[in-house]
Amino acid sequence: MGWLCQSEYEFGQHTLYGREEAGLTDEEIYQLTRPLQMYPWADHERSLLQLADELYANDRVTDETWGELERRWSTKEILEFVVCATAYRMVSGLLNTFNVELDDGVPGWPTPPSG
C-alpha cells in the first residue's frame, strides 16, 4: 500500500520489516513496485498483492480475489488483511500530507537489483 500511495516513508519502513521479519529479498521488494504479472509470485502472495491493488483502486476486494484468498486463509484472516491494508492506506496519506522524512537508516524507493 505504501508503494501504491507513493508514501516513501511507509514503503521504507516496511522494507525493513519485509527483510527482517518476512525474509523478503531485495529483488522481491523491488518487484512490489512492478505490475504483478512481471514476477512469479506464489499464488497466495499474488492474491494478497491483488487485495492491496483492488482496495487502493476501488475500495473493494473482488469476489474473484476473495475466492483466491479463501484457498489459503480463513475469513477472519482475510478481514485482518483488509483492515491492515486500509489502515496503511490512511497512514500513507497522513505521512504524505505532513511530508514525513525518512528516519536515519530507513531505505527509500528500491532500485532494480544488479545482476
PDB file of N, CA and C in Angstrom:
ATOM      1  N   MET A   1       0.832  -1.190   0.000  1.00  0.00           N
ATOM      2  CA  MET A   1       0.000   0.000   0.000  1.00  0.00           C
ATOM      3  C   MET A   1       0.877   1.254   0.000  1.00  0.00           C
ATOM      4  N   GLY A   2       2.016   1.172   0.687  1.00  0.00           N
ATOM      5  CA  GLY A   2       2.934   2.310   0.690  1.00  0.00           C
ATOM      6  C   GLY A   2       3.366   2.694  -0.717  1.00  0.00           C
ATOM      7  N   TRP A   3       3.638   1.697  -1.549  1.00  0.00           N
ATOM      8  CA  TRP A   3       4.021   1.982  -2.933  1.00  0.00           C
ATOM      9  C   TRP A   3       2.850   2.581  -3.698  1.00  0.00           C
ATOM     10  N   LEU A   4       1.690   1.974  -3.580  1.00  0.00           N
ATOM     11  CA  LEU A   4       0.526   2.454  -4.317  1.00  0.00           C
ATOM     12  C   LEU A   4       0.197   3.899  -3.952  1.00  0.00           C
ATOM     13  N   CYS A   5       0.355   4.250  -2.688  1.00  0.00           N
ATOM     14  CA  CYS A   5       0.069   5.612  -2.210  1.00  0.00           C
ATOM     15  C   CYS A   5       1.263   6.545  -2.382  1.00  0.00           C
ATOM     16  N   GLN A   6       2.353   6.013  -2.913  1.00  0.00           N
ATOM     17  CA  GLN A   6       3.584   6.778  -3.095  1.00  0.00           C
ATOM     18  C   GLN A   6       4.050   7.408  -1.782  1.00  0.00           C
ATOM     19  N   SER A   7       4.018   6.617  -0.725  1.00  0.00           N
ATOM     20  CA  SER A   7       4.500   7.037   0.581  1.00  0.00           C
ATOM     21  C   SER A   7       5.862   6.396   0.809  1.00  0.00           C
ATOM     22  N   GLU A   8       6.891   7.158   0.521  1.00  0.00           N
ATOM     23  CA  GLU A   8       8.246   6.634   0.633  1.00  0.00           C
ATOM     24  C   GLU A   8       8.568   6.228   2.071  1.00  0.00           C
ATOM     25  N   TYR A   9       8.082   7.010   3.028  1.00  0.00           N
ATOM     26  CA  TYR A   9       8.323   6.667   4.433  1.00  0.00           C
ATOM     27  C   TYR A   9       7.705   5.306   4.755  1.00  0.00           C
ATOM     28  N   GLU A  10       6.461   5.121   4.391  1.00  0.00           N
ATOM     29  CA  GLU A  10       5.768   3.851   4.663  1.00  0.00           C
ATOM     30  C   GLU A  10       6.472   2.692   3.976  1.00  0.00           C
ATOM     31  N   PHE A  11       6.816   2.881   2.720  1.00  0.00           N
ATOM     32  CA  PHE A  11       7.477   1.816   1.966  1.00  0.00           C
ATOM     33  C   PHE A  11       8.835   1.499   2.580  1.00  0.00           C
ATOM     34  N   GLY A  12       9.579   2.529   2.953  1.00  0.00           N
ATOM     35  CA  GLY A  12      10.899   2.313   3.544  1.00  0.00           C
ATOM     36  C   GLY A  12      10.832   1.562   4.863  1.00  0.00           C
ATOM     37  N   GLN A  13       9.904   1.950   5.717  1.00  0.00           N
ATOM     38  CA  GLN A  13       9.752   1.252   6.996  1.00  0.00           C
ATOM     39  C   GLN A  13       9.394  -0.219   6.769  1.00  0.00           C
ATOM     40  N   HIS A  14       8.494  -0.458   5.818  1.00  0.00           N
ATOM     41  CA  HIS A  14       8.095  -1.838   5.568  1.00  0.00           C
ATOM     42  C   HIS A  14       9.138  -2.620   4.784  1.00  0.00           C
ATOM     43  N   THR A  15      10.039  -1.935   4.124  1.00  0.00           N
ATOM     44  CA  THR A  15      11.177  -2.623   3.520  1.00  0.00           C
ATOM     45  C   THR A  15      12.007  -3.277   4.619  1.00  0.00           C
ATOM     46  N   LEU A  16      12.242  -2.532   5.694  1.00  0.00           N
ATOM     47  CA  LEU A  16      13.000  -3.102   6.820  1.00  0.00           C
ATOM     48  C   LEU A  16      12.279  -4.304   7.414  1.00  0.00           C
ATOM     49  N   TYR A  17      10.972  -4.163   7.673  1.00  0.00           N
ATOM     50  CA  TYR A  17      10.194  -5.276   8.214  1.00  0.00           C
ATOM     51  C   TYR A  17      10.185  -6.461   7.245  1.00  0.00           C
ATOM     52  N   GLY A  18      10.028  -6.158   5.976  1.00  0.00           N
ATOM     53  CA  GLY A  18       9.993  -7.225   4.976  1.00  0.00           C
ATOM     54  C   GLY A  18      11.274  -8.032   4.960  1.00  0.00           C
ATOM     55  N   ARG A  19      12.402  -7.354   5.042  1.00  0.00           N
ATOM     56  CA  ARG A  19      13.691  -8.051   5.068  1.00  0.00           C
ATOM     57  C   ARG A  19      13.870  -8.843   6.363  1.00  0.00           C
ATOM     58  N   GLU A  20      13.658  -8.159   7.486  1.00  0.00           N
ATOM     59  CA  GLU A  20      13.992  -8.735   8.790  1.00  0.00           C
ATOM     60  C   GLU A  20      12.963  -9.752   9.275  1.00  0.00           C
ATOM     61  N   GLU A  21      11.691  -9.476   9.079  1.00  0.00           N
ATOM     62  CA  GLU A  21      10.644 -10.326   9.640  1.00  0.00           C
ATOM     63  C   GLU A  21      10.094 -11.354   8.653  1.00  0.00           C
ATOM     64  N   ALA A  22       9.991 -10.961   7.394  1.00  0.00           N
ATOM     65  CA  ALA A  22       9.376 -11.854   6.402  1.00  0.00           C
ATOM     66  C   ALA A  22      10.399 -12.518   5.490  1.00  0.00           C
ATOM     67  N   GLY A  23      11.653 -12.089   5.587  1.00  0.00           N
ATOM     68  CA  GLY A  23      12.694 -12.698   4.772  1.00  0.00           C
ATOM     69  C   GLY A  23      12.631 -12.347   3.295  1.00  0.00           C
ATOM     70  N   LEU A  24      12.023 -11.190   2.964  1.00  0.00           N
ATOM     71  CA  LEU A  24      11.963 -10.776   1.566  1.00  0.00           C
ATOM     72  C   LEU A  24      13.355 -10.415   1.056  1.00  0.00           C
ATOM     73  N   THR A  25      13.596 -10.736  -0.193  1.00  0.00           N
ATOM     74  CA  THR A  25      14.850 -10.359  -0.834  1.00  0.00           C
ATOM     75  C   THR A  25      14.715  -8.964  -1.434  1.00  0.00           C
ATOM     76  N   ASP A  26      15.852  -8.354  -1.764  1.00  0.00           N
ATOM     77  CA  ASP A  26      15.808  -7.049  -2.430  1.00  0.00           C
ATOM     78  C   ASP A  26      15.083  -7.145  -3.772  1.00  0.00           C
ATOM     79  N   GLU A  27      15.229  -8.277  -4.452  1.00  0.00           N
ATOM     80  CA  GLU A  27      14.523  -8.480  -5.719  1.00  0.00           C
ATOM     81  C   GLU A  27      13.008  -8.481  -5.489  1.00  0.00           C
ATOM     82  N   GLU A  28      12.546  -9.189  -4.473  1.00  0.00           N
ATOM     83  CA  GLU A  28      11.111  -9.227  -4.189  1.00  0.00           C
ATOM     84  C   GLU A  28      10.598  -7.847  -3.793  1.00  0.00           C
ATOM     85  N   ILE A  29      11.362  -7.130  -3.005  1.00  0.00           N
ATOM     86  CA  ILE A  29      10.954  -5.780  -2.593  1.00  0.00           C
ATOM     87  C   ILE A  29      10.852  -4.877  -3.820  1.00  0.00           C
ATOM     88  N   TYR A  30      11.823  -4.957  -4.700  1.00  0.00           N
ATOM     89  CA  TYR A  30      11.761  -4.166  -5.928  1.00  0.00           C
ATOM     90  C   TYR A  30      10.540  -4.562  -6.756  1.00  0.00           C
ATOM     91  N   GLN A  31      10.267  -5.863  -6.856  1.00  0.00           N
ATOM     92  CA  GLN A  31       9.150  -6.334  -7.676  1.00  0.00           C
ATOM     93  C   GLN A  31       7.797  -5.874  -7.144  1.00  0.00           C
ATOM     94  N   LEU A  32       7.727  -5.498  -5.869  1.00  0.00           N
ATOM     95  CA  LEU A  32       6.486  -4.937  -5.333  1.00  0.00           C
ATOM     96  C   LEU A  32       6.108  -3.633  -6.029  1.00  0.00           C
ATOM     97  N   THR A  33       7.063  -2.997  -6.668  1.00  0.00           N
ATOM     98  CA  THR A  33       6.810  -1.731  -7.364  1.00  0.00           C
ATOM     99  C   THR A  33       6.476  -1.945  -8.845  1.00  0.00           C
ATOM    100  N   ARG A  34       6.427  -3.174  -9.280  1.00  0.00           N
ATOM    101  CA  ARG A  34       6.162  -3.520 -10.679  1.00  0.00           C
ATOM    102  C   ARG A  34       4.785  -4.176 -10.779  1.00  0.00           C
ATOM    103  N   PRO A  35       4.228  -4.236 -11.978  1.00  0.00           N
ATOM    104  CA  PRO A  35       2.958  -4.953 -12.154  1.00  0.00           C
ATOM    105  C   PRO A  35       3.073  -6.417 -11.708  1.00  0.00           C
ATOM    106  N   LEU A  36       1.999  -6.941 -11.139  1.00  0.00           N
ATOM    107  CA  LEU A  36       2.020  -8.295 -10.566  1.00  0.00           C
ATOM    108  C   LEU A  36       2.493  -9.367 -11.543  1.00  0.00           C
ATOM    109  N   GLN A  37       2.098  -9.253 -12.788  1.00  0.00           N
ATOM    110  CA  GLN A  37       2.414 -10.300 -13.756  1.00  0.00           C
ATOM    111  C   GLN A  37       3.893 -10.336 -14.147  1.00  0.00           C
ATOM    112  N   MET A  38       4.684  -9.371 -13.689  1.00  0.00           N
ATOM    113  CA  MET A  38       6.091  -9.318 -14.079  1.00  0.00           C
ATOM    114  C   MET A  38       6.991 -10.172 -13.190  1.00  0.00           C
ATOM    115  N   TYR A  39       6.435 -10.808 -12.166  1.00  0.00           N
ATOM    116  CA  TYR A  39       7.256 -11.603 -11.253  1.00  0.00           C
ATOM    117  C   TYR A  39       6.488 -12.868 -10.889  1.00  0.00           C
ATOM    118  N   PRO A  40       7.192 -13.978 -10.751  1.00  0.00           N
ATOM    119  CA  PRO A  40       6.499 -15.247 -10.462  1.00  0.00           C
ATOM    120  C   PRO A  40       6.134 -15.418  -8.981  1.00  0.00           C
ATOM    121  N   TRP A  41       5.251 -14.540  -8.493  1.00  0.00           N
ATOM    122  CA  TRP A  41       4.792 -14.663  -7.113  1.00  0.00           C
ATOM    123  C   TRP A  41       4.062 -15.987  -6.938  1.00  0.00           C
ATOM    124  N   ALA A  42       4.156 -16.568  -5.752  1.00  0.00           N
ATOM    125  CA  ALA A  42       3.335 -17.729  -5.418  1.00  0.00           C
ATOM    126  C   ALA A  42       1.873 -17.278  -5.412  1.00  0.00           C
ATOM    127  N   ASP A  43       0.962 -18.203  -5.631  1.00  0.00           N
ATOM    128  CA  ASP A  43      -0.459 -17.851  -5.715  1.00  0.00           C
ATOM    129  C   ASP A  43      -0.940 -17.097  -4.479  1.00  0.00           C
ATOM    130  N   HIS A  44      -0.553 -17.545  -3.296  1.00  0.00           N
ATOM    131  CA  HIS A  44      -1.021 -16.872  -2.077  1.00  0.00           C
ATOM    132  C   HIS A  44      -0.420 -15.470  -1.938  1.00  0.00           C
ATOM    133  N   GLU A  45       0.803 -15.272  -2.410  1.00  0.00           N
ATOM    134  CA  GLU A  45       1.409 -13.940  -2.387  1.00  0.00           C
ATOM    135  C   GLU A  45       0.702 -13.020  -3.382  1.00  0.00           C
ATOM    136  N   ARG A  46       0.458 -13.547  -4.567  1.00  0.00           N
ATOM    137  CA  ARG A  46      -0.203 -12.762  -5.615  1.00  0.00           C
ATOM    138  C   ARG A  46      -1.596 -12.333  -5.161  1.00  0.00           C
ATOM    139  N   SER A  47      -2.329 -13.214  -4.475  1.00  0.00           N
ATOM    140  CA  SER A  47      -3.678 -12.861  -4.041  1.00  0.00           C
ATOM    141  C   SER A  47      -3.645 -11.748  -2.993  1.00  0.00           C
ATOM    142  N   LEU A  48      -2.655 -11.747  -2.115  1.00  0.00           N
ATOM    143  CA  LEU A  48      -2.538 -10.661  -1.139  1.00  0.00           C
ATOM    144  C   LEU A  48      -2.186  -9.339  -1.814  1.00  0.00           C
ATOM    145  N   LEU A  49      -1.287  -9.397  -2.776  1.00  0.00           N
ATOM    146  CA  LEU A  49      -0.924  -8.180  -3.507  1.00  0.00           C
ATOM    147  C   LEU A  49      -2.111  -7.668  -4.320  1.00  0.00           C
ATOM    148  N   GLN A  50      -2.886  -8.587  -4.869  1.00  0.00           N
ATOM    149  CA  GLN A  50      -4.083  -8.204  -5.616  1.00  0.00           C
ATOM    150  C   GLN A  50      -5.084  -7.530  -4.690  1.00  0.00           C
ATOM    151  N   LEU A  51      -5.224  -8.049  -3.472  1.00  0.00           N
ATOM    152  CA  LEU A  51      -6.102  -7.435  -2.477  1.00  0.00           C
ATOM    153  C   LEU A  51      -5.717  -5.970  -2.269  1.00  0.00           C
ATOM    154  N   ALA A  52      -4.440  -5.713  -2.081  1.00  0.00           N
ATOM    155  CA  ALA A  52      -3.985  -4.330  -1.877  1.00  0.00           C
ATOM    156  C   ALA A  52      -4.269  -3.473  -3.105  1.00  0.00           C
ATOM    157  N   ASP A  53      -3.978  -4.006  -4.289  1.00  0.00           N
ATOM    158  CA  ASP A  53      -4.239  -3.252  -5.521  1.00  0.00           C
ATOM    159  C   ASP A  53      -5.718  -2.894  -5.651  1.00  0.00           C
ATOM    160  N   GLU A  54      -6.584  -3.856  -5.367  1.00  0.00           N
ATOM    161  CA  GLU A  54      -8.018  -3.618  -5.517  1.00  0.00           C
ATOM    162  C   GLU A  54      -8.545  -2.634  -4.476  1.00  0.00           C
ATOM    163  N   LEU A  55      -8.076  -2.759  -3.241  1.00  0.00           N
ATOM    164  CA  LEU A  55      -8.520  -1.807  -2.221  1.00  0.00           C
ATOM    165  C   LEU A  55      -8.061  -0.395  -2.569  1.00  0.00           C
ATOM    166  N   TYR A  56      -6.859  -0.279  -3.081  1.00  0.00           N
ATOM    167  CA  TYR A  56      -6.349   1.039  -3.466  1.00  0.00           C
ATOM    168  C   TYR A  56      -7.164   1.618  -4.627  1.00  0.00           C
ATOM    169  N   ALA A  57      -7.413   0.805  -5.628  1.00  0.00           N
ATOM    170  CA  ALA A  57      -8.075   1.297  -6.842  1.00  0.00           C
ATOM    171  C   ALA A  57      -9.582   1.490  -6.688  1.00  0.00           C
ATOM    172  N   ASN A  58     -10.231   0.586  -5.950  1.00  0.00           N
ATOM    173  CA  ASN A  58     -11.698   0.577  -5.939  1.00  0.00           C
ATOM    174  C   ASN A  58     -12.331   0.522  -4.557  1.00  0.00           C
ATOM    175  N   ASP A  59     -11.512   0.518  -3.514  1.00  0.00           N
ATOM    176  CA  ASP A  59     -12.025   0.385  -2.144  1.00  0.00           C
ATOM    177  C   ASP A  59     -12.903  -0.853  -1.989  1.00  0.00           C
ATOM    178  N   ARG A  60     -12.537  -1.910  -2.691  1.00  0.00           N
ATOM    179  CA  ARG A  60     -13.310  -3.151  -2.636  1.00  0.00           C
ATOM    180  C   ARG A  60     -12.450  -4.296  -3.148  1.00  0.00           C
ATOM    181  N   VAL A  61     -12.565  -5.446  -2.490  1.00  0.00           N
ATOM    182  CA  VAL A  61     -11.909  -6.662  -2.959  1.00  0.00           C
ATOM    183  C   VAL A  61     -12.930  -7.414  -3.808  1.00  0.00           C
ATOM    184  N   THR A  62     -12.538  -7.802  -5.009  1.00  0.00           N
ATOM    185  CA  THR A  62     -13.461  -8.511  -5.893  1.00  0.00           C
ATOM    186  C   THR A  62     -13.757  -9.909  -5.363  1.00  0.00           C
ATOM    187  N   ASP A  63     -14.868 -10.460  -5.811  1.00  0.00           N
ATOM    188  CA  ASP A  63     -15.236 -11.823  -5.435  1.00  0.00           C
ATOM    189  C   ASP A  63     -14.168 -12.817  -5.892  1.00  0.00           C
ATOM    190  N   GLU A  64     -13.614 -12.576  -7.055  1.00  0.00           N
ATOM    191  CA  GLU A  64     -12.575 -13.473  -7.577  1.00  0.00           C
ATOM    192  C   GLU A  64     -11.356 -13.496  -6.652  1.00  0.00           C
ATOM    193  N   THR A  65     -10.897 -12.328  -6.253  1.00  0.00           N
ATOM    194  CA  THR A  65      -9.739 -12.267  -5.361  1.00  0.00           C
ATOM    195  C   THR A  65     -10.085 -12.853  -4.000  1.00  0.00           C
ATOM    196  N   TRP A  66     -11.276 -12.547  -3.499  1.00  0.00           N
ATOM    197  CA  TRP A  66     -11.700 -13.112  -2.212  1.00  0.00           C
ATOM    198  C   TRP A  66     -11.659 -14.642  -2.273  1.00  0.00           C
ATOM    199  N   GLY A  67     -12.149 -15.195  -3.378  1.00  0.00           N
ATOM    200  CA  GLY A  67     -12.127 -16.650  -3.553  1.00  0.00           C
ATOM    201  C   GLY A  67     -10.717 -17.211  -3.549  1.00  0.00           C
ATOM    202  N   GLU A  68      -9.810 -16.496  -4.195  1.00  0.00           N
ATOM    203  CA  GLU A  68      -8.403 -16.927  -4.188  1.00  0.00           C
ATOM    204  C   GLU A  68      -7.832 -16.893  -2.767  1.00  0.00           C
ATOM    205  N   LEU A  69      -8.154 -15.858  -2.033  1.00  0.00           N
ATOM    206  CA  LEU A  69      -7.666 -15.735  -0.660  1.00  0.00           C
ATOM    207  C   LEU A  69      -8.204 -16.860   0.219  1.00  0.00           C
ATOM    208  N   GLU A  70      -9.453 -17.247  -0.007  1.00  0.00           N
ATOM    209  CA  GLU A  70     -10.084 -18.295   0.804  1.00  0.00           C
ATOM    210  C   GLU A  70      -9.439 -19.673   0.615  1.00  0.00           C
ATOM    211  N   ARG A  71      -8.677 -19.830  -0.440  1.00  0.00           N
ATOM    212  CA  ARG A  71      -7.988 -21.104  -0.657  1.00  0.00           C
ATOM    213  C   ARG A  71      -6.910 -21.358   0.390  1.00  0.00           C
ATOM    214  N   ARG A  72      -6.444 -20.277   1.019  1.00  0.00           N
ATOM    215  CA  ARG A  72      -5.361 -20.419   1.992  1.00  0.00           C
ATOM    216  C   ARG A  72      -5.727 -19.904   3.383  1.00  0.00           C
ATOM    217  N   TRP A  73      -6.549 -18.858   3.443  1.00  0.00           N
ATOM    218  CA  TRP A  73      -6.815 -18.201   4.716  1.00  0.00           C
ATOM    219  C   TRP A  73      -8.287 -18.248   5.105  1.00  0.00           C
ATOM    220  N   SER A  74      -8.525 -18.130   6.397  1.00  0.00           N
ATOM    221  CA  SER A  74      -9.886 -18.077   6.928  1.00  0.00           C
ATOM    222  C   SER A  74     -10.486 -16.694   6.678  1.00  0.00           C
ATOM    223  N   THR A  75     -11.803 -16.599   6.837  1.00  0.00           N
ATOM    224  CA  THR A  75     -12.467 -15.308   6.693  1.00  0.00           C
ATOM    225  C   THR A  75     -11.890 -14.305   7.688  1.00  0.00           C
ATOM    226  N   LYS A  76     -11.660 -14.731   8.912  1.00  0.00           N
ATOM    227  CA  LYS A  76     -11.087 -13.840   9.926  1.00  0.00           C
ATOM    228  C   LYS A  76      -9.724 -13.308   9.478  1.00  0.00           C
ATOM    229  N   GLU A  77      -8.887 -14.167   8.932  1.00  0.00           N
ATOM    230  CA  GLU A  77      -7.569 -13.723   8.469  1.00  0.00           C
ATOM    231  C   GLU A  77      -7.694 -12.746   7.296  1.00  0.00           C
ATOM    232  N   ILE A  78      -8.605 -13.015   6.386  1.00  0.00           N
ATOM    233  CA  ILE A  78      -8.803 -12.114   5.245  1.00  0.00           C
ATOM    234  C   ILE A  78      -9.287 -10.754   5.728  1.00  0.00           C
ATOM    235  N   LEU A  79     -10.193 -10.743   6.689  1.00  0.00           N
ATOM    236  CA  LEU A  79     -10.658  -9.476   7.249  1.00  0.00           C
ATOM    237  C   LEU A  79      -9.493  -8.699   7.866  1.00  0.00           C
ATOM    238  N   GLU A  80      -8.591  -9.399   8.528  1.00  0.00           N
ATOM    239  CA  GLU A  80      -7.412  -8.735   9.097  1.00  0.00           C
ATOM    240  C   GLU A  80      -6.552  -8.130   8.002  1.00  0.00           C
ATOM    241  N   PHE A  81      -6.393  -8.831   6.874  1.00  0.00           N
ATOM    242  CA  PHE A  81      -5.625  -8.289   5.756  1.00  0.00           C
ATOM    243  C   PHE A  81      -6.273  -7.011   5.222  1.00  0.00           C
ATOM    244  N   VAL A  82      -7.597  -7.031   5.090  1.00  0.00           N
ATOM    245  CA  VAL A  82      -8.312  -5.862   4.580  1.00  0.00           C
ATOM    246  C   VAL A  82      -8.142  -4.684   5.541  1.00  0.00           C
ATOM    247  N   VAL A  83      -8.324  -4.929   6.822  1.00  0.00           N
ATOM    248  CA  VAL A  83      -8.169  -3.856   7.816  1.00  0.00           C
ATOM    249  C   VAL A  83      -6.744  -3.315   7.792  1.00  0.00           C
ATOM    250  N   CYS A  84      -5.778  -4.200   7.727  1.00  0.00           N
ATOM    251  CA  CYS A  84      -4.376  -3.770   7.705  1.00  0.00           C
ATOM    252  C   CYS A  84      -4.077  -2.917   6.470  1.00  0.00           C
ATOM    253  N   ALA A  85      -4.493  -3.396   5.305  1.00  0.00           N
ATOM    254  CA  ALA A  85      -4.222  -2.660   4.068  1.00  0.00           C
ATOM    255  C   ALA A  85      -4.883  -1.288   4.075  1.00  0.00           C
ATOM    256  N   THR A  86      -6.129  -1.223   4.522  1.00  0.00           N
ATOM    257  CA  THR A  86      -6.813   0.074   4.522  1.00  0.00           C
ATOM    258  C   THR A  86      -6.246   1.004   5.587  1.00  0.00           C
ATOM    259  N   ALA A  87      -5.786   0.445   6.695  1.00  0.00           N
ATOM    260  CA  ALA A  87      -5.153   1.280   7.730  1.00  0.00           C
ATOM    261  C   ALA A  87      -3.861   1.888   7.197  1.00  0.00           C
ATOM    262  N   TYR A  88      -3.066   1.085   6.491  1.00  0.00           N
ATOM    263  CA  TYR A  88      -1.821   1.631   5.945  1.00  0.00           C
ATOM    264  C   TYR A  88      -2.074   2.604   4.799  1.00  0.00           C
ATOM    265  N   ARG A  89      -3.212   2.486   4.152  1.00  0.00           N
ATOM    266  CA  ARG A  89      -3.571   3.497   3.151  1.00  0.00           C
ATOM    267  C   ARG A  89      -3.787   4.845   3.848  1.00  0.00           C
ATOM    268  N   MET A  90      -4.497   4.814   4.976  1.00  0.00           N
ATOM    269  CA  MET A  90      -4.731   6.042   5.736  1.00  0.00           C
ATOM    270  C   MET A  90      -3.404   6.600   6.269  1.00  0.00           C
ATOM    271  N   VAL A  91      -2.582   5.736   6.840  1.00  0.00           N
ATOM    272  CA  VAL A  91      -1.293   6.177   7.384  1.00  0.00           C
ATOM    273  C   VAL A  91      -0.430   6.778   6.275  1.00  0.00           C
ATOM    274  N   SER A  92      -0.424   6.149   5.116  1.00  0.00           N
ATOM    275  CA  SER A  92       0.349   6.675   3.992  1.00  0.00           C
ATOM    276  C   SER A  92      -0.102   8.079   3.617  1.00  0.00           C
ATOM    277  N   GLY A  93      -1.399   8.300   3.605  1.00  0.00           N
ATOM    278  CA  GLY A  93      -1.925   9.629   3.306  1.00  0.00           C
ATOM    279  C   GLY A  93      -1.493  10.659   4.332  1.00  0.00           C
ATOM    280  N   LEU A  94      -1.496  10.274   5.594  1.00  0.00           N
ATOM    281  CA  LEU A  94      -1.045  11.197   6.647  1.00  0.00           C
ATOM    282  C   LEU A  94       0.447  11.506   6.494  1.00  0.00           C
ATOM    283  N   LEU A  95       1.243  10.473   6.280  1.00  0.00           N
ATOM    284  CA  LEU A  95       2.690  10.676   6.127  1.00  0.00           C
ATOM    285  C   LEU A  95       2.987  11.574   4.932  1.00  0.00           C
ATOM    286  N   ASN A  96       2.288  11.355   3.839  1.00  0.00           N
ATOM    287  CA  ASN A  96       2.485  12.188   2.649  1.00  0.00           C
ATOM    288  C   ASN A  96       2.057  13.636   2.909  1.00  0.00           C
ATOM    289  N   THR A  97       0.921  13.811   3.540  1.00  0.00           N
ATOM    290  CA  THR A  97       0.388  15.150   3.798  1.00  0.00           C
ATOM    291  C   THR A  97       1.325  15.968   4.672  1.00  0.00           C
ATOM    292  N   PHE A  98       1.897  15.315   5.672  1.00  0.00           N
ATOM    293  CA  PHE A  98       2.782  16.016   6.599  1.00  0.00           C
ATOM    294  C   PHE A  98       4.246  15.956   6.197  1.00  0.00           C
ATOM    295  N   ASN A  99       4.515  15.456   4.992  1.00  0.00           N
ATOM    296  CA  ASN A  99       5.879  15.405   4.456  1.00  0.00           C
ATOM    297  C   ASN A  99       6.869  14.798   5.436  1.00  0.00           C
ATOM    298  N   VAL A 100       6.507  13.671   6.028  1.00  0.00           N
ATOM    299  CA  VAL A 100       7.382  13.000   6.989  1.00  0.00           C
ATOM    300  C   VAL A 100       8.601  12.460   6.241  1.00  0.00           C
ATOM    301  N   GLU A 101       9.769  12.840   6.716  1.00  0.00           N
ATOM    302  CA  GLU A 101      11.019  12.426   6.082  1.00  0.00           C
ATOM    303  C   GLU A 101      11.462  11.071   6.621  1.00  0.00           C
ATOM    304  N   LEU A 102      12.260  10.390   5.820  1.00  0.00           N
ATOM    305  CA  LEU A 102      12.783   9.089   6.222  1.00  0.00           C
ATOM    306  C   LEU A 102      13.644   9.221   7.471  1.00  0.00           C
ATOM    307  N   ASP A 103      13.519   8.264   8.365  1.00  0.00           N
ATOM    308  CA  ASP A 103      14.401   8.199   9.528  1.00  0.00           C
ATOM    309  C   ASP A 103      15.772   7.729   9.079  1.00  0.00           C
ATOM    310  N   ASP A 104      16.792   8.009   9.885  1.00  0.00           N
ATOM    311  CA  ASP A 104      18.131   7.520   9.587  1.00  0.00           C
ATOM    312  C   ASP A 104      18.108   6.000   9.470  1.00  0.00           C
ATOM    313  N   GLY A 105      18.761   5.495   8.449  1.00  0.00           N
ATOM    314  CA  GLY A 105      18.856   4.061   8.246  1.00  0.00           C
ATOM    315  C   GLY A 105      17.674   3.411   7.556  1.00  0.00           C
ATOM    316  N   VAL A 106      16.658   4.207   7.222  1.00  0.00           N
ATOM    317  CA  VAL A 106      15.493   3.656   6.531  1.00  0.00           C
ATOM    318  C   VAL A 106      15.676   3.875   5.029  1.00  0.00           C
ATOM    319  N   PRO A 107      15.577   2.797   4.254  1.00  0.00           N
ATOM    320  CA  PRO A 107      15.768   2.962   2.812  1.00  0.00           C
ATOM    321  C   PRO A 107      14.600   3.682   2.159  1.00  0.00           C
ATOM    322  N   GLY A 108      14.880   4.297   1.042  1.00  0.00           N
ATOM    323  CA  GLY A 108      13.823   4.922   0.253  1.00  0.00           C
ATOM    324  C   GLY A 108      13.295   3.945  -0.770  1.00  0.00           C
ATOM    325  N   TRP A 109      12.998   4.461  -1.951  1.00  0.00           N
ATOM    326  CA  TRP A 109      12.468   3.610  -3.018  1.00  0.00           C
ATOM    327  C   TRP A 109      13.530   2.614  -3.453  1.00  0.00           C
ATOM    328  N   PRO A 110      13.099   1.404  -3.773  1.00  0.00           N
ATOM    329  CA  PRO A 110      14.071   0.402  -4.210  1.00  0.00           C
ATOM    330  C   PRO A 110      14.542   0.671  -5.635  1.00  0.00           C
ATOM    331  N   THR A 111      15.731   0.199  -5.900  1.00  0.00           N
ATOM    332  CA  THR A 111      16.263   0.266  -7.261  1.00  0.00           C
ATOM    333  C   THR A 111      16.364  -1.153  -7.797  1.00  0.00           C
ATOM    334  N   PRO A 112      16.381  -1.298  -9.107  1.00  0.00           N
ATOM    335  CA  PRO A 112      16.499  -2.649  -9.662  1.00  0.00           C
ATOM    336  C   PRO A 112      17.775  -3.309  -9.166  1.00  0.00           C
ATOM    337  N   PRO A 113      17.662  -4.517  -8.640  1.00  0.00           N
ATOM    338  CA  PRO A 113      18.873  -5.226  -8.186  1.00  0.00           C
ATOM    339  C   PRO A 113      19.812  -5.463  -9.348  1.00  0.00           C
ATOM    340  N   SER A 114      21.088  -5.324  -9.103  1.00  0.00           N
ATOM    341  CA  SER A 114      22.075  -5.582 -10.164  1.00  0.00           C
ATOM    342  C   SER A 114      22.301  -7.074 -10.251  1.00  0.00           C
ATOM    343  N   GLY A 115      22.599  -7.500 -11.414  1.00  0.00           N
ATOM    344  CA  GLY A 115      22.893  -8.920 -11.542  1.00  0.00           C
ATOM    345  C   GLY A 115      22.329  -9.456 -12.743  1.00  0.00           C
TER     346      GLY A 115
END
